[in-house]
Amino acid sequence: KIYADLEQHWSVVSEAIQTVLRREKYPQPYEALKALTRGKEGINKETMHAFIESLKIPSKIKKELKGITPHNYTGVHPPIK
């Protein structure tokens, strides 16, 4: 049940994504994610990955962001490997 609930709420990883974007000096990361998530239901893996793909960032960072899931994000994001 917990797994299924997390799978339906990918917006929980928006904080982690915002943090990585800030680290990368992406302009206005909060606003970008706010536009994606605010007042919207149904943010899922496909929605989040499409958002990540739309960002003008290096593919290495896109790969890092796609590795963040509701199932593995605990509030502390590990460094890039």
C-alpha atoms as a PDB file:
ATOM      1  CA  LYS A   1       0.000   0.000   0.000  1.00  0.00           C
ATOM      2  CA  ILE A   2       2.794   2.419   0.876  1.00  0.00           C
ATOM      3  CA  TYR A   3       4.605   1.649  -2.385  1.00  0.00           C
ATOM      4  CA  ALA A   4       1.432   2.298  -4.380  1.00  0.00           C
ATOM      5  CA  ASP A   5       0.759   5.555  -2.514  1.00  0.00           C
ATOM      6  CA  LEU A   6       4.278   6.817  -3.168  1.00  0.00           C
ATOM      7  CA  GLU A   7       4.035   5.851  -6.835  1.00  0.00           C
ATOM      8  CA  GLN A   8       0.985   8.117  -7.128  1.00  0.00           C
ATOM      9  CA  HIS A   9       2.746  11.129  -5.557  1.00  0.00           C
ATOM     10  CA  TRP A  10       5.890  11.960  -7.484  1.00  0.00           C
ATOM     11  CA  SER A  11       5.553  15.579  -6.428  1.00  0.00           C
ATOM     12  CA  VAL A  12       7.298  14.568  -3.172  1.00  0.00           C
ATOM     13  CA  VAL A  13      10.617  14.573  -5.065  1.00  0.00           C
ATOM     14  CA  SER A  14      10.208  18.169  -6.208  1.00  0.00           C
ATOM     15  CA  GLU A  15      12.183  19.407  -3.187  1.00  0.00           C
ATOM     16  CA  ALA A  16      15.133  17.184  -4.112  1.00  0.00           C
ATOM     17  CA  ILE A  17      14.971  18.266  -7.747  1.00  0.00           C
ATOM     18  CA  GLN A  18      14.820  21.919  -6.722  1.00  0.00           C
ATOM     19  CA  THR A  19      17.879  21.441  -4.507  1.00  0.00           C
ATOM     20  CA  VAL A  20      19.912  19.906  -7.326  1.00  0.00           C
ATOM     21  CA  LEU A  21      18.828  22.660  -9.718  1.00  0.00           C
ATOM     22  CA  ARG A  22      19.932  25.277  -7.194  1.00  0.00           C
ATOM     23  CA  ARG A  23      23.291  23.548  -6.865  1.00  0.00           C
ATOM     24  CA  GLU A  24      23.627  23.710 -10.652  1.00  0.00           C
ATOM     25  CA  LYS A  25      22.722  27.433 -10.658  1.00  0.00           C
ATOM     26  CA  TYR A  26      19.576  26.775 -12.711  1.00  0.00           C
ATOM     27  CA  PRO A  27      17.545  30.015 -12.916  1.00  0.00           C
ATOM     28  CA  GLN A  28      14.455  30.077 -10.699  1.00  0.00           C
ATOM     29  CA  PRO A  29      14.206  26.389  -9.784  1.00  0.00           C
ATOM     30  CA  TYR A  30      11.406  26.979  -7.283  1.00  0.00           C
ATOM     31  CA  GLU A  31       9.260  28.711  -9.863  1.00  0.00           C
ATOM     32  CA  ALA A  32       9.892  25.996 -12.467  1.00  0.00           C
ATOM     33  CA  LEU A  33       8.737  23.266 -10.098  1.00  0.00           C
ATOM     34  CA  LYS A  34       5.894  25.366  -8.741  1.00  0.00           C
ATOM     35  CA  ALA A  35       4.520  25.682 -12.276  1.00  0.00           C
ATOM     36  CA  LEU A  36       4.745  21.905 -12.636  1.00  0.00           C
ATOM     37  CA  THR A  37       3.231  20.886  -9.303  1.00  0.00           C
ATOM     38  CA  ARG A  38       1.090  23.653  -7.807  1.00  0.00           C
ATOM     39  CA  GLY A  39      -2.577  22.725  -7.711  1.00  0.00           C
ATOM     40  CA  LYS A  40      -2.129  19.758  -9.998  1.00  0.00           C
ATOM     41  CA  GLU A  41      -2.946  16.176  -9.324  1.00  0.00           C
ATOM     42  CA  GLY A  42      -1.502  13.225 -11.140  1.00  0.00           C
ATOM     43  CA  ILE A  43       2.183  14.119 -11.086  1.00  0.00           C
ATOM     44  CA  ASN A  44       3.695  10.741 -11.887  1.00  0.00           C
ATOM     45  CA  LYS A  45       6.985   9.328 -13.104  1.00  0.00           C
ATOM     46  CA  GLU A  46       6.234  10.172 -16.727  1.00  0.00           C
ATOM     47  CA  THR A  47       5.236  13.749 -15.891  1.00  0.00           C
ATOM     48  CA  MET A  48       8.328  14.304 -13.756  1.00  0.00           C
ATOM     49  CA  HIS A  49      10.674  12.755 -16.323  1.00  0.00           C
ATOM     50  CA  ALA A  50       9.145  14.846 -19.106  1.00  0.00           C
ATOM     51  CA  PHE A  51       9.743  17.943 -16.976  1.00  0.00           C
ATOM     52  CA  ILE A  52      13.363  16.892 -16.373  1.00  0.00           C
ATOM     53  CA  GLU A  53      13.887  16.305 -20.098  1.00  0.00           C
ATOM     54  CA  SER A  54      12.576  19.800 -20.835  1.00  0.00           C
ATOM     55  CA  LEU A  55      15.243  21.423 -18.658  1.00  0.00           C
ATOM     56  CA  LYS A  56      18.287  22.967 -20.295  1.00  0.00           C
ATOM     57  CA  ILE A  57      20.835  21.127 -18.168  1.00  0.00           C
ATOM     58  CA  PRO A  58      23.581  18.594 -18.942  1.00  0.00           C
ATOM     59  CA  SER A  59      22.489  14.996 -19.524  1.00  0.00           C
ATOM     60  CA  LYS A  60      24.529  13.910 -16.489  1.00  0.00           C
ATOM     61  CA  ILE A  61      22.311  16.074 -14.266  1.00  0.00           C
ATOM     62  CA  LYS A  62      19.159  14.829 -15.999  1.00  0.00           C
ATOM     63  CA  LYS A  63      20.273  11.276 -15.237  1.00  0.00           C
ATOM     64  CA  GLU A  64      20.873  12.224 -11.611  1.00  0.00           C
ATOM     65  CA  LEU A  65      17.429  13.813 -11.323  1.00  0.00           C
ATOM     66  CA  LYS A  66      15.711  10.817 -12.903  1.00  0.00           C
ATOM     67  CA  GLY A  67      17.367   8.634 -10.282  1.00  0.00           C
ATOM     68  CA  ILE A  68      15.417  10.400  -7.539  1.00  0.00           C
ATOM     69  CA  THR A  69      12.143   8.619  -6.825  1.00  0.00           C
ATOM     70  CA  PRO A  70       9.491   8.792  -4.104  1.00  0.00           C
ATOM     71  CA  HIS A  71      10.769   5.388  -3.021  1.00  0.00           C
ATOM     72  CA  ASN A  72      14.399   6.363  -2.453  1.00  0.00           C
ATOM     73  CA  TYR A  73      14.259  10.030  -1.487  1.00  0.00           C
ATOM     74  CA  THR A  74      14.548  10.470   2.269  1.00  0.00           C
ATOM     75  CA  GLY A  75      15.222  14.194   2.467  1.00  0.00           C
ATOM     76  CA  VAL A  76      18.953  13.837   1.924  1.00  0.00           C
ATOM     77  CA  HIS A  77      20.192  13.624  -1.645  1.00  0.00           C
ATOM     78  CA  PRO A  78      23.455  11.748  -2.159  1.00  0.00           C
ATOM     79  CA  PRO A  79      26.288  13.427  -4.095  1.00  0.00           C
ATOM     80  CA  ILE A  80      26.749  12.827  -7.831  1.00  0.00           C
ATOM     81  CA  LYS A  81      28.651   9.653  -8.637  1.00  0.00           C
END
